[in-house]
Amino acid sequence: MPSRGPNTEARPVLFGLPFDALTERGTLDRIFEFAATPPGGRGCRIAATVNVDFIVNTYYAFRSAPADPVLARVLRRAELVVADGMPLVWLSRLLGTPLPERVAGSDLVPMIAERAAREGCKLYFLGGREEYTLKAAGLLRARYPGLEIEVASPFVKLDAPDAAESDREICRRINDSGARILLVGFGNPKQELWLERNRRNLDCGIAIGVGGTFNFIAGAVKRAPAWMRRSGTEWIYRIIQEPGRLWKRYFIGLLQFNIMALGALLTRPRRGGAEVVRDDKTGNFSATGRGSFSPHALQTILHAAETTPVRIANLSRRQKRQLGAHRLADLVTE
């Protein structure tokens, strides 16, 4: 299994997902560490820049089970997960497991390009509208001399009858390019599902879903001013630009997110709270108390459930509610 880096269990848990408490600079360093290392047994590593839209696509507002179990599994298995949204950063602080800052994919890609030009690391842009993806690649090459980028914008349909054959050809072209970092602009959840399905066939060190970032770089869609991005109000700017397409996504999505966030806050982990302890003979866990779990307990449960659900004895009603609110109930059996 590819290494996620040190102290895996210490990754803060938000909505059943393990986040990496990294700054932009730390995220960039981790990406290039993976890019320089051959893929392990699971194949190419996956990085996800998770925003509110990811959370809404993954979970129901009023049910603890994932709305998209496959997407939940992909994000839980990803080797690098950062918060691309101030609401997630704010919530992490309120829950006592703070993330240092927002790490936006649209900010990260130019930083990756700049460092890739210095280090001779080839990039591959996959997806997006062809004219915008080509323009984005051209602008970055002009900005960072020596940068190598290969571009492809195939039509990808996950459930097409010839999807497996098409995927093999796409992966072959990526591998033949010699690229070490793959940036995929299919949008969530399509890009994450495609990457998980094909990670074993990819030779690059890391792949990152970047959504509409190619459009931003090409100038097809304008980004909000820096102060709006820092204040968490970028969504207002986006709606003004594309009201017909985005009003439902943002208003309904934010409502659903706020409902889930309230549930998490009402059952927030408690410092010094109950822990989960593994029995060395059976491999099962038991809770050390009847009160709320600690942040460490939630991290331990998520880490232990990477392959199979965790069996925990003596769960109290409060703990069951807490696991449901934090979207971990589907990983636990009694």
Protein backbone atom coordinates (compact mmCIF):
# COMPACT_ATOMS: atom_id res chain seq x y z
CA MET A 1 0.00 0.00 0.00
CA PRO A 2 1.39 3.44 -0.88
CA SER A 3 2.55 5.46 2.10
CA ARG A 4 0.48 8.45 3.09
CA GLY A 5 3.34 9.88 5.09
CA PRO A 6 3.95 9.81 8.84
CA ASN A 7 1.34 9.68 11.59
CA THR A 8 -1.53 8.36 9.49
CA GLU A 9 -3.95 8.08 12.41
CA ALA A 10 -3.49 11.77 13.27
CA ARG A 11 -5.32 12.94 10.13
CA PRO A 12 -8.33 15.03 11.27
CA VAL A 13 -11.67 13.39 10.49
CA LEU A 14 -14.45 15.46 8.89
CA PHE A 15 -17.63 13.75 7.67
CA GLY A 16 -15.98 10.34 7.72
CA LEU A 17 -13.03 11.47 5.58
CA PRO A 18 -9.35 11.69 6.65
CA PHE A 19 -7.94 15.15 5.91
CA ASP A 20 -4.29 16.10 5.87
CA ALA A 21 -3.50 19.09 8.08
CA LEU A 22 -1.23 20.73 5.51
CA THR A 23 -0.66 24.24 4.23
CA GLU A 24 -0.40 24.97 0.49
CA ARG A 25 3.36 24.64 0.74
CA GLY A 26 3.14 21.37 2.66
CA THR A 27 0.65 20.00 0.15
CA LEU A 28 2.98 20.91 -2.71
CA ASP A 29 5.87 19.15 -0.98
CA ARG A 30 3.77 16.02 -0.45
CA ILE A 31 2.68 15.99 -4.12
CA PHE A 32 6.27 16.10 -5.33
CA GLU A 33 7.33 13.44 -2.82
CA PHE A 34 4.73 11.13 -4.36
CA ALA A 35 5.65 12.22 -7.91
CA ALA A 36 9.27 11.20 -7.31
CA THR A 37 8.36 7.76 -5.89
CA PRO A 38 7.21 4.81 -8.03
CA PRO A 39 3.62 3.69 -7.37
CA GLY A 40 3.14 0.98 -4.77
CA GLY A 41 0.87 -2.04 -4.71
CA ARG A 42 -2.33 0.00 -5.15
CA GLY A 43 -0.91 1.89 -8.11
CA CYS A 44 -0.94 5.63 -8.68
CA ARG A 45 -1.70 7.66 -5.56
CA ILE A 46 -4.82 9.82 -5.56
CA ALA A 47 -5.11 13.33 -4.16
CA ALA A 48 -8.44 15.08 -3.60
CA THR A 49 -9.10 18.75 -2.93
CA VAL A 50 -12.41 18.37 -1.12
CA ASN A 51 -14.97 21.17 -1.02
CA VAL A 52 -18.62 21.41 0.04
CA ASP A 53 -19.72 19.97 -3.30
CA PHE A 54 -17.71 16.79 -2.62
CA ILE A 55 -19.40 16.37 0.77
CA VAL A 56 -22.88 16.91 -0.68
CA ASN A 57 -22.19 14.42 -3.49
CA THR A 58 -21.00 11.83 -0.98
CA TYR A 59 -23.57 12.00 1.86
CA TYR A 60 -27.25 12.46 2.64
CA ALA A 61 -28.23 15.32 4.93
CA PHE A 62 -30.38 13.22 7.30
CA ARG A 63 -28.97 9.70 6.93
CA SER A 64 -25.65 8.45 8.21
CA ALA A 65 -25.04 6.00 5.36
CA PRO A 66 -23.24 7.48 2.33
CA ALA A 67 -25.38 8.56 -0.60
CA ASP A 68 -22.52 7.38 -2.82
CA PRO A 69 -20.67 4.56 -1.02
CA VAL A 70 -18.17 4.18 -3.86
CA LEU A 71 -17.19 7.86 -3.74
CA ALA A 72 -16.92 7.68 0.06
CA ARG A 73 -14.60 4.70 -0.26
CA VAL A 74 -12.44 6.47 -2.87
CA LEU A 75 -12.02 9.57 -0.70
CA ARG A 76 -11.29 7.51 2.39
CA ARG A 77 -8.59 5.60 0.53
CA ALA A 78 -7.00 8.67 -1.09
CA GLU A 79 -3.38 9.20 -0.11
CA LEU A 80 -3.78 12.98 0.12
CA VAL A 81 -6.96 14.88 1.07
CA VAL A 82 -7.02 18.64 1.66
CA ALA A 83 -9.82 21.13 2.30
CA ASP A 84 -10.71 23.24 -0.73
CA GLY A 85 -13.29 25.37 1.05
CA MET A 86 -13.40 27.69 4.05
CA PRO A 87 -16.55 26.03 5.50
CA LEU A 88 -14.52 22.85 6.02
CA VAL A 89 -11.64 24.77 7.60
CA TRP A 90 -14.03 26.62 9.94
CA LEU A 91 -15.79 23.39 10.92
CA SER A 92 -12.49 21.65 11.64
CA ARG A 93 -11.58 24.43 14.07
CA LEU A 94 -14.95 24.28 15.83
CA LEU A 95 -14.56 20.52 16.22
CA GLY A 96 -11.14 20.91 17.83
CA THR A 97 -9.16 19.27 14.99
CA PRO A 98 -8.11 22.38 13.05
CA LEU A 99 -6.89 22.38 9.48
CA PRO A 100 -4.31 25.14 8.93
CA GLU A 101 -5.77 26.71 5.79
CA ARG A 102 -7.76 26.26 2.63
CA VAL A 103 -5.85 24.50 -0.15
CA ALA A 104 -7.68 25.24 -3.39
CA GLY A 105 -7.01 23.09 -6.43
CA SER A 106 -7.27 26.14 -8.70
CA ASP A 107 -4.45 27.81 -6.73
CA LEU A 108 -2.43 24.62 -6.47
CA VAL A 109 -2.14 23.84 -10.21
CA PRO A 110 -0.07 26.94 -11.15
CA MET A 111 2.17 26.24 -8.14
CA ILE A 112 2.62 22.65 -9.34
CA ALA A 113 3.48 23.94 -12.83
CA GLU A 114 6.08 26.37 -11.51
CA ARG A 115 7.85 23.74 -9.43
CA ALA A 116 7.55 21.09 -12.16
CA ALA A 117 9.36 23.44 -14.57
CA ARG A 118 12.22 23.85 -12.07
CA GLU A 119 12.51 20.14 -11.29
CA GLY A 120 11.94 18.73 -14.78
CA CYS A 121 8.74 16.93 -13.75
CA LYS A 122 6.37 16.34 -16.66
CA LEU A 123 2.63 16.98 -16.22
CA TYR A 124 -0.36 15.46 -18.01
CA PHE A 125 -3.64 17.39 -18.33
CA LEU A 126 -6.59 15.06 -18.84
CA GLY A 127 -10.16 16.21 -19.46
CA GLY A 128 -11.87 19.57 -19.60
CA ARG A 129 -13.08 21.29 -22.73
CA GLU A 130 -10.29 20.79 -25.25
CA GLU A 131 -9.84 24.43 -26.26
CA TYR A 132 -9.59 25.56 -22.64
CA THR A 133 -7.30 22.73 -21.57
CA LEU A 134 -4.95 23.43 -24.49
CA LYS A 135 -5.01 27.15 -23.73
CA ALA A 136 -4.31 26.56 -20.04
CA ALA A 137 -1.34 24.33 -20.90
CA GLY A 138 -0.02 26.93 -23.37
CA LEU A 139 -0.27 29.76 -20.86
CA LEU A 140 1.57 27.78 -18.20
CA ARG A 141 4.31 26.75 -20.63
CA ALA A 142 4.80 30.40 -21.57
CA ARG A 143 4.84 31.47 -17.91
CA TYR A 144 7.28 28.75 -16.79
CA PRO A 145 9.92 28.05 -19.48
CA GLY A 146 10.96 24.43 -19.69
CA LEU A 147 7.64 23.11 -18.40
CA GLU A 148 6.50 19.92 -20.14
CA ILE A 149 2.76 19.26 -20.36
CA GLU A 150 0.91 16.73 -22.46
CA VAL A 151 -2.81 17.29 -23.04
CA ALA A 152 -5.75 15.03 -23.87
CA SER A 153 -9.48 15.75 -23.63
CA PRO A 154 -11.21 12.44 -24.41
CA PHE A 155 -14.92 11.93 -23.94
CA VAL A 156 -15.21 9.63 -20.94
CA LYS A 157 -18.44 7.93 -19.89
CA LEU A 158 -18.01 5.71 -16.85
CA ASP A 159 -20.80 3.27 -17.72
CA ALA A 160 -20.22 3.07 -21.48
CA PRO A 161 -20.06 -0.48 -22.95
CA ASP A 162 -16.50 0.12 -24.17
CA ALA A 163 -15.36 2.01 -21.06
CA ALA A 164 -12.74 -0.57 -20.05
CA GLU A 165 -11.14 -0.57 -23.50
CA SER A 166 -11.23 3.23 -23.67
CA ASP A 167 -9.68 3.52 -20.20
CA ARG A 168 -6.83 1.19 -21.14
CA GLU A 169 -5.99 3.33 -24.15
CA ILE A 170 -6.09 6.55 -22.11
CA CYS A 171 -3.83 5.00 -19.44
CA ARG A 172 -1.43 3.73 -22.11
CA ARG A 173 -1.04 7.23 -23.53
CA ILE A 174 -0.48 8.73 -20.08
CA ASN A 175 2.14 6.10 -19.26
CA ASP A 176 3.89 6.51 -22.62
CA SER A 177 4.16 10.27 -22.00
CA GLY A 178 6.42 9.74 -18.99
CA ALA A 179 4.37 12.22 -16.92
CA ARG A 180 4.84 11.99 -13.14
CA ILE A 181 1.83 14.10 -12.15
CA LEU A 182 -1.62 13.61 -13.69
CA LEU A 183 -4.21 16.39 -13.38
CA VAL A 184 -7.76 15.29 -14.21
CA GLY A 185 -10.52 17.78 -15.02
CA PHE A 186 -13.62 15.60 -15.27
CA GLY A 187 -15.34 17.21 -12.26
CA ASN A 188 -16.46 15.50 -9.06
CA PRO A 189 -17.40 12.69 -8.64
CA LYS A 190 -16.49 11.51 -12.15
CA GLN A 191 -12.77 12.26 -11.88
CA GLU A 192 -12.34 10.51 -8.52
CA LEU A 193 -14.31 7.44 -9.64
CA TRP A 194 -12.31 7.22 -12.88
CA LEU A 195 -9.01 7.51 -11.03
CA GLU A 196 -9.89 4.84 -8.50
CA ARG A 197 -10.95 2.49 -11.29
CA ASN A 198 -7.71 3.02 -13.21
CA ARG A 199 -5.07 3.69 -10.53
CA ARG A 200 -3.48 0.25 -10.93
CA ASN A 201 -2.97 0.88 -14.65
CA LEU A 202 -1.24 4.25 -14.18
CA ASP A 203 2.52 4.58 -13.77
CA CYS A 204 2.61 8.23 -12.65
CA GLY A 205 3.39 8.97 -9.02
CA ILE A 206 0.22 10.91 -8.20
CA ALA A 207 -3.06 11.93 -9.82
CA ILE A 208 -5.16 14.90 -8.71
CA GLY A 209 -8.76 15.72 -9.58
CA VAL A 210 -8.84 19.43 -10.41
CA GLY A 211 -12.43 19.99 -11.59
CA GLY A 212 -12.77 23.19 -13.62
CA THR A 213 -9.27 24.52 -12.92
CA PHE A 214 -8.26 24.41 -16.59
CA ASN A 215 -11.14 26.83 -17.31
CA PHE A 216 -9.90 29.21 -14.62
CA ILE A 217 -6.34 29.19 -15.93
CA ALA A 218 -7.53 29.71 -19.52
CA GLY A 219 -9.66 32.69 -18.44
CA ALA A 220 -12.93 31.09 -19.55
CA VAL A 221 -14.23 31.50 -15.97
CA LYS A 222 -13.03 34.34 -13.77
CA ARG A 223 -11.98 33.69 -10.18
CA ALA A 224 -13.26 35.78 -7.32
CA PRO A 225 -11.00 38.44 -5.80
CA ALA A 226 -8.51 37.15 -3.24
CA TRP A 227 -10.43 38.68 -0.30
CA MET A 228 -13.56 36.75 -1.28
CA ARG A 229 -11.61 33.50 -1.51
CA ARG A 230 -10.10 34.10 1.94
CA SER A 231 -13.45 35.04 3.50
CA GLY A 232 -15.31 32.02 2.14
CA THR A 233 -17.65 34.09 -0.07
CA GLU A 234 -16.26 32.99 -3.45
CA TRP A 235 -19.50 31.08 -4.07
CA ILE A 236 -21.40 34.39 -4.30
CA TYR A 237 -19.05 35.54 -7.07
CA ARG A 238 -19.50 32.23 -8.91
CA ILE A 239 -23.29 32.43 -8.75
CA ILE A 240 -23.24 35.97 -10.16
CA GLN A 241 -21.20 34.67 -13.12
CA GLU A 242 -23.26 31.53 -13.78
CA PRO A 243 -26.62 31.86 -11.97
CA GLY A 244 -28.55 29.40 -14.11
CA ARG A 245 -26.06 26.59 -13.57
CA LEU A 246 -24.85 27.20 -10.03
CA TRP A 247 -27.69 28.60 -7.87
CA LYS A 248 -29.12 25.17 -7.07
CA ARG A 249 -25.70 23.64 -6.46
CA TYR A 250 -24.68 26.33 -3.99
CA PHE A 251 -27.91 27.12 -2.14
CA ILE A 252 -29.16 23.56 -1.78
CA GLY A 253 -25.62 22.27 -1.28
CA LEU A 254 -24.83 24.77 1.45
CA LEU A 255 -28.14 24.01 3.19
CA GLN A 256 -27.36 20.30 3.17
CA PHE A 257 -23.80 20.93 4.36
CA ASN A 258 -25.01 23.15 7.22
CA ILE A 259 -27.44 20.47 8.38
CA MET A 260 -24.61 17.92 8.49
CA ALA A 261 -22.25 20.40 10.15
CA LEU A 262 -24.80 21.11 12.89
CA GLY A 263 -25.10 17.40 13.60
CA ALA A 264 -21.32 17.10 13.85
CA LEU A 265 -21.09 20.09 16.19
CA LEU A 266 -23.83 18.76 18.48
CA THR A 267 -21.87 15.51 18.84
CA ARG A 268 -18.39 17.00 18.69
CA PRO A 269 -15.49 14.82 19.86
CA ARG A 270 -14.38 15.52 23.40
CA ARG A 271 -10.76 15.88 24.45
CA GLY A 272 -10.11 13.18 27.00
CA GLY A 273 -13.25 11.35 25.86
CA ALA A 274 -13.76 7.65 25.26
CA GLU A 275 -11.17 5.77 23.22
CA VAL A 276 -11.32 2.50 21.28
CA VAL A 277 -8.88 -0.26 22.24
CA ARG A 278 -8.03 -3.26 20.08
CA ASP A 279 -8.00 -6.78 21.50
CA ASP A 280 -4.77 -8.35 20.21
CA LYS A 281 -6.33 -11.84 20.12
CA THR A 282 -9.56 -11.12 18.23
CA GLY A 283 -8.62 -7.90 16.43
CA ASN A 284 -11.91 -6.38 17.62
CA PHE A 285 -12.25 -3.11 19.53
CA SER A 286 -14.05 -2.01 22.66
CA ALA A 287 -14.94 1.44 23.90
CA THR A 288 -13.22 2.55 27.11
CA GLY A 289 -16.21 4.58 28.33
CA ARG A 290 -19.86 5.41 27.60
CA GLY A 291 -19.42 9.11 26.83
CA SER A 292 -18.47 10.88 23.62
CA PHE A 293 -15.49 9.61 21.68
CA SER A 294 -12.30 11.66 21.51
CA PRO A 295 -10.93 12.98 18.19
CA HIS A 296 -8.25 10.28 18.39
CA ALA A 297 -10.91 7.56 18.67
CA LEU A 298 -12.59 8.73 15.45
CA GLN A 299 -9.22 8.81 13.70
CA THR A 300 -8.42 5.30 14.94
CA ILE A 301 -11.77 3.93 13.72
CA LEU A 302 -11.35 5.41 10.26
CA HIS A 303 -7.77 4.19 9.96
CA ALA A 304 -8.64 0.68 11.17
CA ALA A 305 -11.58 0.38 8.75
CA GLU A 306 -9.50 0.77 5.57
CA THR A 307 -10.06 -2.86 4.59
CA THR A 308 -12.99 -4.20 6.64
CA PRO A 309 -15.62 -2.72 9.00
CA VAL A 310 -14.49 -2.29 12.59
CA ARG A 311 -16.21 -4.37 15.28
CA ILE A 312 -16.64 -2.37 18.50
CA ALA A 313 -18.23 -3.77 21.66
CA ASN A 314 -20.10 -1.79 24.33
CA LEU A 315 -21.18 1.17 22.19
CA SER A 316 -23.48 3.56 24.04
CA ARG A 317 -26.38 5.39 22.38
CA ARG A 318 -24.41 8.63 22.53
CA GLN A 319 -21.49 7.02 20.74
CA LYS A 320 -23.76 5.55 18.07
CA ARG A 321 -25.29 8.99 17.45
CA GLN A 322 -21.82 10.48 17.29
CA LEU A 323 -20.62 7.93 14.73
CA GLY A 324 -23.71 8.60 12.62
CA ALA A 325 -23.32 12.38 12.75
CA HIS A 326 -19.64 12.11 11.79
CA ARG A 327 -20.46 9.72 8.92
CA LEU A 328 -18.55 6.77 10.37
CA ALA A 329 -21.49 4.50 11.24
CA ASP A 330 -21.18 2.52 7.98
CA LEU A 331 -17.65 1.49 9.04
CA VAL A 332 -18.66 0.03 12.42
CA THR A 333 -20.41 -3.16 13.50
CA GLU A 334 -21.16 -4.38 17.02
